[in-house]
Amino acid sequence: MRYPSFIALSGLVLQVPLPGQAQTAPDPAPAPRFFVGLAAYRSYYQPLEGRPPGVTGFPVPLQLTAGYQLRPRLAVQVGLAYSGSSYAYEGSGYFYNLDRPQGTYYRYSGKSNIRTASASVLARYTLTRKPEHRLQFDALGGFTLEYRRGADQGTYIDSVGGTRNESPYNNRGSDNALLLTAGLGTRYRLHPRFDLTLDLLLNRTLTSPIYSSYQEGITGSAALGLRYRLGK
């Protein structure tokens, strides 16, 4: 009988490792956790509008963001948006009173500068459950600090008292406001590392608004741009 030979051959076959069992699958590469972005920005404090002749500065407010992925669906990001404008002005004329019927001459010239910055810290939670989808939706929430600084300097000249009077002026001021921010964002994957992003947010003023004419305390903001994921 050949049973002993058959049993011995079977034992040798069982001891030979199979190709699928001899090697273990390598661990998947970790997903990039850091990301940066650049976007065109618009808000109540930094409007996106055409500039009149003579006004210089950034025509479109820009926002730079940097973030870190805490969990597969949770990230935290900081953002800084900036815009500024400058313009020169001048004028002249006469003002009249009973003491000088012929009028008093005046002339002024100067330059005005306005700088506005918005700094935000936001949590970003992904609502889309399948990360392989190109289109992703996020919920955002956090705080935004608005800062505005202005300067106006020049020279005022008149002929009050029959003599030439020259008065330089230099007026400066700044203000800030803290906002509660929440909204929705969407991301579309253009490339394994590049996303097209759009964030639409609502802001509730927690302190006195920068512009005293604004009383409601609720404003909107939007950012459209690109995001790049860092890392291997």
C-alpha atoms as a PDB file:
ATOM      1  CA  MET A   1       0.000   0.000   0.000  1.00  0.00           C
ATOM      2  CA  ARG A   2       1.149   3.532  -0.775  1.00  0.00           C
ATOM      3  CA  TYR A   3      -0.627   5.344   2.048  1.00  0.00           C
ATOM      4  CA  PRO A   4       2.601   6.205   3.965  1.00  0.00           C
ATOM      5  CA  SER A   5       4.098   7.849   0.840  1.00  0.00           C
ATOM      6  CA  PHE A   6       0.908   9.794   0.181  1.00  0.00           C
ATOM      7  CA  ILE A   7       0.749  11.014   3.785  1.00  0.00           C
ATOM      8  CA  ALA A   8       4.401  12.111   3.685  1.00  0.00           C
ATOM      9  CA  LEU A   9       3.862  14.020   0.439  1.00  0.00           C
ATOM     10  CA  SER A  10       0.774  15.747   1.896  1.00  0.00           C
ATOM     11  CA  GLY A  11       2.795  16.848   4.913  1.00  0.00           C
ATOM     12  CA  LEU A  12       5.411  18.445   2.717  1.00  0.00           C
ATOM     13  CA  VAL A  13       2.743  20.313   0.762  1.00  0.00           C
ATOM     14  CA  LEU A  14       1.193  21.697   3.947  1.00  0.00           C
ATOM     15  CA  GLN A  15       4.568  22.944   5.148  1.00  0.00           C
ATOM     16  CA  VAL A  16       5.206  25.002   1.988  1.00  0.00           C
ATOM     17  CA  PRO A  17       3.921  28.569   2.570  1.00  0.00           C
ATOM     18  CA  LEU A  18       1.412  29.903   0.064  1.00  0.00           C
ATOM     19  CA  PRO A  19       2.237  33.181  -1.729  1.00  0.00           C
ATOM     20  CA  GLY A  20      -0.711  34.997  -0.139  1.00  0.00           C
ATOM     21  CA  GLN A  21       0.242  33.795   3.327  1.00  0.00           C
ATOM     22  CA  ALA A  22       3.981  34.285   3.150  1.00  0.00           C
ATOM     23  CA  GLN A  23       3.828  38.108   2.846  1.00  0.00           C
ATOM     24  CA  THR A  24       1.877  40.578   4.905  1.00  0.00           C
ATOM     25  CA  ALA A  25       0.359  43.656   3.249  1.00  0.00           C
ATOM     26  CA  PRO A  26       2.291  46.837   3.970  1.00  0.00           C
ATOM     27  CA  ASP A  27       0.632  49.416   6.184  1.00  0.00           C
ATOM     28  CA  PRO A  28      -1.146  52.120   4.193  1.00  0.00           C
ATOM     29  CA  ALA A  29       0.641  55.443   4.025  1.00  0.00           C
ATOM     30  CA  PRO A  30      -0.768  57.937   6.514  1.00  0.00           C
ATOM     31  CA  ALA A  31      -3.025  60.579   5.012  1.00  0.00           C
ATOM     32  CA  PRO A  32      -1.613  64.127   4.918  1.00  0.00           C
ATOM     33  CA  ARG A  33      -2.633  65.955   8.100  1.00  0.00           C
ATOM     34  CA  PHE A  34      -1.512  69.529   7.368  1.00  0.00           C
ATOM     35  CA  PHE A  35      -3.083  71.740   4.721  1.00  0.00           C
ATOM     36  CA  VAL A  36      -2.772  75.317   3.516  1.00  0.00           C
ATOM     37  CA  GLY A  37      -5.042  77.394   1.327  1.00  0.00           C
ATOM     38  CA  LEU A  38      -5.375  80.688  -0.511  1.00  0.00           C
ATOM     39  CA  ALA A  39      -8.750  82.197  -1.394  1.00  0.00           C
ATOM     40  CA  ALA A  40     -10.514  85.312  -2.587  1.00  0.00           C
ATOM     41  CA  TYR A  41     -12.410  86.653   0.413  1.00  0.00           C
ATOM     42  CA  ARG A  42     -15.465  88.839   0.937  1.00  0.00           C
ATOM     43  CA  SER A  43     -17.213  90.039   4.081  1.00  0.00           C
ATOM     44  CA  TYR A  44     -19.142  92.990   5.469  1.00  0.00           C
ATOM     45  CA  TYR A  45     -15.894  94.435   6.793  1.00  0.00           C
ATOM     46  CA  GLN A  46     -13.922  93.631   3.630  1.00  0.00           C
ATOM     47  CA  PRO A  47     -16.306  94.118   0.695  1.00  0.00           C
ATOM     48  CA  LEU A  48     -15.495  92.963  -2.801  1.00  0.00           C
ATOM     49  CA  GLU A  49     -16.273  95.947  -4.990  1.00  0.00           C
ATOM     50  CA  GLY A  50     -14.835  98.097  -7.719  1.00  0.00           C
ATOM     51  CA  ARG A  51     -12.489 100.874  -6.697  1.00  0.00           C
ATOM     52  CA  PRO A  52     -13.107 104.448  -7.888  1.00  0.00           C
ATOM     53  CA  PRO A  53     -10.392 106.253  -9.851  1.00  0.00           C
ATOM     54  CA  GLY A  54      -7.449 107.299  -7.743  1.00  0.00           C
ATOM     55  CA  VAL A  55      -7.845 104.548  -5.139  1.00  0.00           C
ATOM     56  CA  THR A  56      -4.977 102.064  -4.899  1.00  0.00           C
ATOM     57  CA  GLY A  57      -4.504  98.840  -2.938  1.00  0.00           C
ATOM     58  CA  PHE A  58      -5.613  95.210  -3.136  1.00  0.00           C
ATOM     59  CA  PRO A  59      -8.621  95.044  -5.510  1.00  0.00           C
ATOM     60  CA  VAL A  60      -9.629  91.654  -4.052  1.00  0.00           C
ATOM     61  CA  PRO A  61      -9.283  90.761  -0.342  1.00  0.00           C
ATOM     62  CA  LEU A  62      -7.179  87.613   0.082  1.00  0.00           C
ATOM     63  CA  GLN A  63      -7.372  84.954   2.795  1.00  0.00           C
ATOM     64  CA  LEU A  64      -4.549  82.609   3.777  1.00  0.00           C
ATOM     65  CA  THR A  65      -5.482  79.487   5.785  1.00  0.00           C
ATOM     66  CA  ALA A  66      -3.535  76.728   7.524  1.00  0.00           C
ATOM     67  CA  GLY A  67      -5.011  73.692   9.216  1.00  0.00           C
ATOM     68  CA  TYR A  68      -4.422  70.348  10.868  1.00  0.00           C
ATOM     69  CA  GLN A  69      -6.510  67.174  10.542  1.00  0.00           C
ATOM     70  CA  LEU A  70      -7.206  65.983  14.096  1.00  0.00           C
ATOM     71  CA  ARG A  71      -9.349  63.024  13.024  1.00  0.00           C
ATOM     72  CA  PRO A  72     -10.513  61.652   9.667  1.00  0.00           C
ATOM     73  CA  ARG A  73     -13.597  63.914   9.817  1.00  0.00           C
ATOM     74  CA  LEU A  74     -12.449  66.694  12.149  1.00  0.00           C
ATOM     75  CA  ALA A  75      -9.919  69.457  11.422  1.00  0.00           C
ATOM     76  CA  VAL A  76      -9.026  72.822  12.908  1.00  0.00           C
ATOM     77  CA  GLN A  77      -7.921  75.756  10.781  1.00  0.00           C
ATOM     78  CA  VAL A  78      -6.774  79.340  11.240  1.00  0.00           C
ATOM     79  CA  GLY A  79      -7.273  82.020   8.643  1.00  0.00           C
ATOM     80  CA  LEU A  80      -6.072  85.542   7.983  1.00  0.00           C
ATOM     81  CA  ALA A  81      -7.787  87.803   5.440  1.00  0.00           C
ATOM     82  CA  TYR A  82      -6.372  91.201   4.517  1.00  0.00           C
ATOM     83  CA  SER A  83      -7.324  94.178   2.375  1.00  0.00           C
ATOM     84  CA  GLY A  84      -6.253  97.793   2.152  1.00  0.00           C
ATOM     85  CA  SER A  85      -6.799 100.957   0.169  1.00  0.00           C
ATOM     86  CA  SER A  86      -5.176 104.366  -0.186  1.00  0.00           C
ATOM     87  CA  TYR A  87      -6.224 107.511  -1.959  1.00  0.00           C
ATOM     88  CA  ALA A  88      -5.024 111.097  -2.224  1.00  0.00           C
ATOM     89  CA  TYR A  89      -7.407 114.044  -2.191  1.00  0.00           C
ATOM     90  CA  GLU A  90      -7.368 117.814  -2.464  1.00  0.00           C
ATOM     91  CA  GLY A  91      -9.780 120.719  -2.674  1.00  0.00           C
ATOM     92  CA  SER A  92     -10.083 124.473  -2.483  1.00  0.00           C
ATOM     93  CA  GLY A  93     -12.701 127.214  -2.309  1.00  0.00           C
ATOM     94  CA  TYR A  94     -14.068 130.134  -0.317  1.00  0.00           C
ATOM     95  CA  PHE A  95     -16.260 130.424   2.745  1.00  0.00           C
ATOM     96  CA  TYR A  96     -18.137 133.612   3.590  1.00  0.00           C
ATOM     97  CA  ASN A  97     -19.209 135.409   6.744  1.00  0.00           C
ATOM     98  CA  LEU A  98     -20.400 138.898   7.709  1.00  0.00           C
ATOM     99  CA  ASP A  99     -16.933 140.064   8.740  1.00  0.00           C
ATOM    100  CA  ARG A 100     -15.373 139.344   5.327  1.00  0.00           C
ATOM    101  CA  PRO A 101     -17.952 139.719   2.563  1.00  0.00           C
ATOM    102  CA  GLN A 102     -15.292 139.060  -0.065  1.00  0.00           C
ATOM    103  CA  GLY A 103     -14.804 135.549   1.291  1.00  0.00           C
ATOM    104  CA  THR A 104     -11.991 133.622   2.913  1.00  0.00           C
ATOM    105  CA  TYR A 105      -9.877 131.333   0.780  1.00  0.00           C
ATOM    106  CA  TYR A 106      -9.061 127.766   1.906  1.00  0.00           C
ATOM    107  CA  ARG A 107      -7.229 124.817   0.429  1.00  0.00           C
ATOM    108  CA  TYR A 108      -6.505 121.293   1.671  1.00  0.00           C
ATOM    109  CA  SER A 109      -4.638 118.231   0.436  1.00  0.00           C
ATOM    110  CA  GLY A 110      -3.886 114.895   2.035  1.00  0.00           C
ATOM    111  CA  LYS A 111      -3.830 111.128   1.850  1.00  0.00           C
ATOM    112  CA  SER A 112      -6.041 108.531   3.516  1.00  0.00           C
ATOM    113  CA  ASN A 113      -5.164 104.877   4.248  1.00  0.00           C
ATOM    114  CA  ILE A 114      -7.425 102.095   5.491  1.00  0.00           C
ATOM    115  CA  ARG A 115      -6.226  98.593   6.468  1.00  0.00           C
ATOM    116  CA  THR A 116      -8.547  95.746   7.486  1.00  0.00           C
ATOM    117  CA  ALA A 117      -7.670  92.242   8.718  1.00  0.00           C
ATOM    118  CA  SER A 118      -9.861  89.293   9.721  1.00  0.00           C
ATOM    119  CA  ALA A 119      -8.339  86.508  11.847  1.00  0.00           C
ATOM    120  CA  SER A 120     -10.386  83.336  12.394  1.00  0.00           C
ATOM    121  CA  VAL A 121     -10.072  80.054  14.289  1.00  0.00           C
ATOM    122  CA  LEU A 122     -12.558  77.443  13.049  1.00  0.00           C
ATOM    123  CA  ALA A 123     -13.324  73.775  13.593  1.00  0.00           C
ATOM    124  CA  ARG A 124     -14.188  71.921  10.375  1.00  0.00           C
ATOM    125  CA  TYR A 125     -16.311  68.748  10.593  1.00  0.00           C
ATOM    126  CA  THR A 126     -16.860  66.686   7.441  1.00  0.00           C
ATOM    127  CA  LEU A 127     -20.519  65.802   6.882  1.00  0.00           C
ATOM    128  CA  THR A 128     -19.847  63.464   3.939  1.00  0.00           C
ATOM    129  CA  ARG A 129     -19.345  59.934   5.275  1.00  0.00           C
ATOM    130  CA  LYS A 130     -17.372  58.512   2.333  1.00  0.00           C
ATOM    131  CA  PRO A 131     -13.909  60.112   2.008  1.00  0.00           C
ATOM    132  CA  GLU A 132     -13.392  58.635  -1.468  1.00  0.00           C
ATOM    133  CA  HIS A 133     -16.028  60.971  -2.927  1.00  0.00           C
ATOM    134  CA  ARG A 134     -14.606  63.926  -4.807  1.00  0.00           C
ATOM    135  CA  LEU A 135     -17.249  66.291  -3.445  1.00  0.00           C
ATOM    136  CA  GLN A 136     -17.197  66.808   0.318  1.00  0.00           C
ATOM    137  CA  PHE A 137     -19.378  68.974   2.584  1.00  0.00           C
ATOM    138  CA  ASP A 138     -18.249  70.442   5.915  1.00  0.00           C
ATOM    139  CA  ALA A 139     -19.783  72.247   8.872  1.00  0.00           C
ATOM    140  CA  LEU A 140     -17.694  75.070  10.322  1.00  0.00           C
ATOM    141  CA  GLY A 141     -17.795  76.917  13.636  1.00  0.00           C
ATOM    142  CA  GLY A 142     -15.554  79.152  15.721  1.00  0.00           C
ATOM    143  CA  PHE A 143     -14.566  82.784  16.214  1.00  0.00           C
ATOM    144  CA  THR A 144     -13.378  85.674  14.046  1.00  0.00           C
ATOM    145  CA  LEU A 145     -11.596  88.852  15.097  1.00  0.00           C
ATOM    146  CA  GLU A 146     -12.025  91.900  12.864  1.00  0.00           C
ATOM    147  CA  TYR A 147      -9.421  94.679  13.008  1.00  0.00           C
ATOM    148  CA  ARG A 148      -9.552  98.010  11.178  1.00  0.00           C
ATOM    149  CA  ARG A 149      -6.947 100.788  11.168  1.00  0.00           C
ATOM    150  CA  GLY A 150      -7.136 104.133   9.420  1.00  0.00           C
ATOM    151  CA  ALA A 151      -4.895 107.157   8.945  1.00  0.00           C
ATOM    152  CA  ASP A 152      -5.624 110.553   7.425  1.00  0.00           C
ATOM    153  CA  GLN A 153      -2.859 113.108   7.083  1.00  0.00           C
ATOM    154  CA  GLY A 154      -2.403 116.285   5.112  1.00  0.00           C
ATOM    155  CA  THR A 155      -2.344 120.086   5.247  1.00  0.00           C
ATOM    156  CA  TYR A 156      -5.099 122.692   5.565  1.00  0.00           C
ATOM    157  CA  ILE A 157      -4.439 126.287   4.455  1.00  0.00           C
ATOM    158  CA  ASP A 158      -6.695 129.346   4.805  1.00  0.00           C
ATOM    159  CA  SER A 159      -6.516 133.133   4.843  1.00  0.00           C
ATOM    160  CA  VAL A 160      -8.395 133.839   8.060  1.00  0.00           C
ATOM    161  CA  GLY A 161      -7.309 137.222   9.483  1.00  0.00           C
ATOM    162  CA  GLY A 162      -5.885 138.290   6.146  1.00  0.00           C
ATOM    163  CA  THR A 163      -2.794 136.139   6.482  1.00  0.00           C
ATOM    164  CA  ARG A 164      -1.820 132.716   5.199  1.00  0.00           C
ATOM    165  CA  ASN A 165      -2.392 130.040   7.842  1.00  0.00           C
ATOM    166  CA  GLU A 166      -1.089 126.536   7.338  1.00  0.00           C
ATOM    167  CA  SER A 167      -2.194 123.693   9.639  1.00  0.00           C
ATOM    168  CA  PRO A 168      -0.920 120.133   9.182  1.00  0.00           C
ATOM    169  CA  TYR A 169      -3.073 117.310  10.499  1.00  0.00           C
ATOM    170  CA  ASN A 170      -2.464 113.620  11.177  1.00  0.00           C
ATOM    171  CA  ASN A 171      -5.468 111.638  12.390  1.00  0.00           C
ATOM    172  CA  ARG A 172      -5.153 107.944  13.245  1.00  0.00           C
ATOM    173  CA  GLY A 173      -7.474 105.399  14.763  1.00  0.00           C
ATOM    174  CA  SER A 174      -8.215 101.681  15.054  1.00  0.00           C
ATOM    175  CA  ASP A 175     -11.054  99.455  16.161  1.00  0.00           C
ATOM    176  CA  ASN A 176     -11.841  95.744  16.462  1.00  0.00           C
ATOM    177  CA  ALA A 177     -14.785  93.414  16.930  1.00  0.00           C
ATOM    178  CA  LEU A 178     -15.153  89.768  17.998  1.00  0.00           C
ATOM    179  CA  LEU A 179     -17.561  87.598  15.994  1.00  0.00           C
ATOM    180  CA  LEU A 180     -19.133  84.182  16.515  1.00  0.00           C
ATOM    181  CA  THR A 181     -18.805  82.361  13.173  1.00  0.00           C
ATOM    182  CA  ALA A 182     -20.663  79.346  11.756  1.00  0.00           C
ATOM    183  CA  GLY A 183     -21.551  78.041   8.321  1.00  0.00           C
ATOM    184  CA  LEU A 184     -21.063  75.439   5.620  1.00  0.00           C
ATOM    185  CA  GLY A 185     -18.183  74.604   3.325  1.00  0.00           C
ATOM    186  CA  THR A 186     -17.698  72.427   0.291  1.00  0.00           C
ATOM    187  CA  ARG A 187     -14.554  70.895  -1.217  1.00  0.00           C
ATOM    188  CA  TYR A 188     -14.045  69.335  -4.640  1.00  0.00           C
ATOM    189  CA  ARG A 189     -10.938  67.194  -5.189  1.00  0.00           C
ATOM    190  CA  LEU A 190      -9.111  68.307  -8.319  1.00  0.00           C
ATOM    191  CA  HIS A 191      -5.975  66.272  -7.532  1.00  0.00           C
ATOM    192  CA  PRO A 192      -4.897  63.977  -4.675  1.00  0.00           C
ATOM    193  CA  ARG A 193      -3.405  67.078  -3.020  1.00  0.00           C
ATOM    194  CA  PHE A 194      -5.497  69.959  -4.409  1.00  0.00           C
ATOM    195  CA  ASP A 195      -9.080  70.860  -3.481  1.00  0.00           C
ATOM    196  CA  LEU A 196     -11.302  73.619  -4.795  1.00  0.00           C
ATOM    197  CA  THR A 197     -13.010  75.110  -1.722  1.00  0.00           C
ATOM    198  CA  LEU A 198     -15.994  77.358  -1.045  1.00  0.00           C
ATOM    199  CA  ASP A 199     -16.953  78.486   2.472  1.00  0.00           C
ATOM    200  CA  LEU A 200     -20.180  80.394   3.230  1.00  0.00           C
ATOM    201  CA  LEU A 201     -20.367  81.750   6.793  1.00  0.00           C
ATOM    202  CA  LEU A 202     -22.574  83.823   9.080  1.00  0.00           C
ATOM    203  CA  ASN A 203     -21.060  86.036  11.775  1.00  0.00           C
ATOM    204  CA  ARG A 204     -22.721  87.281  14.957  1.00  0.00           C
ATOM    205  CA  THR A 205     -21.086  90.296  16.594  1.00  0.00           C
ATOM    206  CA  LEU A 206     -20.229  89.633  20.250  1.00  0.00           C
ATOM    207  CA  THR A 207     -18.786  93.115  20.894  1.00  0.00           C
ATOM    208  CA  SER A 208     -19.499  96.579  19.561  1.00  0.00           C
ATOM    209  CA  PRO A 209     -19.357  96.572  15.742  1.00  0.00           C
ATOM    210  CA  ILE A 210     -16.617  98.514  14.023  1.00  0.00           C
ATOM    211  CA  TYR A 211     -19.090 100.589  12.034  1.00  0.00           C
ATOM    212  CA  SER A 212     -21.480 102.426  14.357  1.00  0.00           C
ATOM    213  CA  SER A 213     -24.122 102.633  11.613  1.00  0.00           C
ATOM    214  CA  TYR A 214     -24.488  98.858  11.667  1.00  0.00           C
ATOM    215  CA  GLN A 215     -26.891  97.714  14.370  1.00  0.00           C
ATOM    216  CA  GLU A 216     -28.098  94.203  13.525  1.00  0.00           C
ATOM    217  CA  GLY A 217     -24.870  92.432  14.474  1.00  0.00           C
ATOM    218  CA  ILE A 218     -25.222  89.612  11.886  1.00  0.00           C
ATOM    219  CA  THR A 219     -23.072  89.638   8.750  1.00  0.00           C
ATOM    220  CA  GLY A 220     -21.981  87.198   6.076  1.00  0.00           C
ATOM    221  CA  SER A 221     -18.633  86.196   4.604  1.00  0.00           C
ATOM    222  CA  ALA A 222     -17.433  83.938   1.798  1.00  0.00           C
ATOM    223  CA  ALA A 223     -14.127  82.499   0.578  1.00  0.00           C
ATOM    224  CA  LEU A 224     -13.417  80.798  -2.755  1.00  0.00           C
ATOM    225  CA  GLY A 225      -9.995  79.304  -3.410  1.00  0.00           C
ATOM    226  CA  LEU A 226      -7.636  76.317  -3.441  1.00  0.00           C
ATOM    227  CA  ARG A 227      -6.383  74.064  -0.642  1.00  0.00           C
ATOM    228  CA  TYR A 228      -3.172  71.994  -0.722  1.00  0.00           C
ATOM    229  CA  ARG A 229      -2.476  69.005   1.523  1.00  0.00           C
ATOM    230  CA  LEU A 230       1.075  68.709   2.859  1.00  0.00           C
ATOM    231  CA  GLY A 231       3.031  65.573   3.790  1.00  0.00           C
ATOM    232  CA  LYS A 232       3.899  62.270   2.165  1.00  0.00           C
END
